[in-house]
Amino acid sequence: SSQAVLEYQVFYRTRYAEAAFASCRDVRLPATGGYAIATMCGRYGAELCTAQRWLDFQGDKNNGLAPLQIEFRLLPDGAEPG
């Protein structure tokens, strides 16, 4: 019998996730002039996007891009996965 990973959890420090999100937030697409994050946050678009919503969309297997379901869990600084 064969086995395959169908989904998994990723634990990020909140500070890291917020910094990664902030580094992408103001990037504009040259072709449209719109914010790249608008296409990377699903139904929330650029204005309502947060680090958690951005990661949730990236890990959603129904977005047409993610190869499997990924649950991003944000941890407060100093916390460990439980």
Protein backbone atom coordinates (compact mmCIF):
# COMPACT_ATOMS: atom_id res chain seq x y z
CA SER A 1 0.00 0.00 0.00
CA SER A 2 1.19 3.52 -0.70
CA GLN A 3 0.99 6.47 1.64
CA ALA A 4 0.75 10.18 0.85
CA VAL A 5 0.59 13.42 2.78
CA LEU A 6 -2.79 15.05 2.17
CA GLU A 7 -2.50 17.97 4.57
CA TYR A 8 -0.21 19.32 7.25
CA GLN A 9 0.23 22.08 9.80
CA VAL A 10 2.92 24.75 9.75
CA PHE A 11 3.78 26.70 12.89
CA TYR A 12 5.06 30.25 12.43
CA ARG A 13 5.87 32.85 15.02
CA THR A 14 3.35 35.67 14.69
CA ARG A 15 6.21 38.17 14.36
CA TYR A 16 7.64 36.24 11.38
CA ALA A 17 4.26 35.93 9.65
CA GLU A 18 3.53 39.64 10.13
CA ALA A 19 6.96 40.60 8.77
CA ALA A 20 6.55 38.35 5.72
CA PHE A 21 3.09 39.80 5.07
CA ALA A 22 4.36 43.38 5.49
CA SER A 23 7.13 42.74 2.95
CA CYS A 24 4.52 41.76 0.33
CA ARG A 25 1.71 44.15 1.24
CA ASP A 26 2.72 47.13 -0.93
CA VAL A 27 4.01 45.21 -3.95
CA ARG A 28 2.16 46.24 -7.12
CA LEU A 29 1.68 44.22 -10.31
CA PRO A 30 3.24 46.07 -13.25
CA ALA A 31 0.57 44.88 -15.68
CA THR A 32 -2.37 46.26 -13.69
CA GLY A 33 -0.90 48.60 -11.09
CA GLY A 34 -3.00 46.77 -8.49
CA TYR A 35 -1.65 45.23 -5.31
CA ALA A 36 -0.28 41.71 -5.69
CA ILE A 37 -1.66 40.83 -2.26
CA ALA A 38 -5.19 41.31 -3.63
CA THR A 39 -4.77 38.13 -5.67
CA MET A 40 -3.04 36.32 -2.80
CA CYS A 41 -5.71 36.80 -0.14
CA GLY A 42 -8.80 35.35 -1.78
CA ARG A 43 -12.14 36.95 -1.01
CA TYR A 44 -10.61 39.49 1.38
CA GLY A 45 -8.68 41.36 -1.29
CA ALA A 46 -5.95 43.84 -0.42
CA GLU A 47 -7.88 46.05 1.98
CA LEU A 48 -9.10 43.35 4.38
CA CYS A 49 -6.09 41.06 4.09
CA THR A 50 -4.14 40.14 7.23
CA ALA A 51 -1.16 37.86 7.73
CA GLN A 52 -3.43 35.02 8.86
CA ARG A 53 -5.89 35.48 5.98
CA TRP A 54 -3.01 35.64 3.51
CA LEU A 55 -1.52 32.40 4.82
CA ASP A 56 -4.93 30.71 4.99
CA PHE A 57 -5.49 31.45 1.30
CA GLN A 58 -1.99 30.24 0.38
CA GLY A 59 -2.66 26.93 2.12
CA ASP A 60 -6.18 26.39 0.78
CA LYS A 61 -6.17 23.42 -1.58
CA ASN A 62 -9.23 24.92 -3.29
CA ASN A 63 -7.34 28.04 -4.44
CA GLY A 64 -6.07 26.26 -7.57
CA LEU A 65 -2.43 26.66 -6.51
CA ALA A 66 -1.78 24.76 -3.28
CA PRO A 67 -0.94 21.09 -3.95
CA LEU A 68 -2.48 20.05 -0.61
CA GLN A 69 -4.18 21.58 2.42
CA ILE A 70 -1.79 23.53 4.66
CA GLU A 71 -2.93 24.90 8.01
CA PHE A 72 -0.79 27.82 9.15
CA ARG A 73 -0.80 28.22 12.94
CA LEU A 74 0.58 31.48 14.28
CA LEU A 75 2.29 31.31 17.66
CA PRO A 76 2.90 34.18 20.05
CA ASP A 77 6.59 34.96 20.51
CA GLY A 78 8.12 32.48 22.93
CA ALA A 79 5.28 29.94 22.60
CA GLU A 80 5.90 26.39 21.42
CA PRO A 81 3.56 24.20 19.33
CA GLY A 82 1.27 22.27 21.64
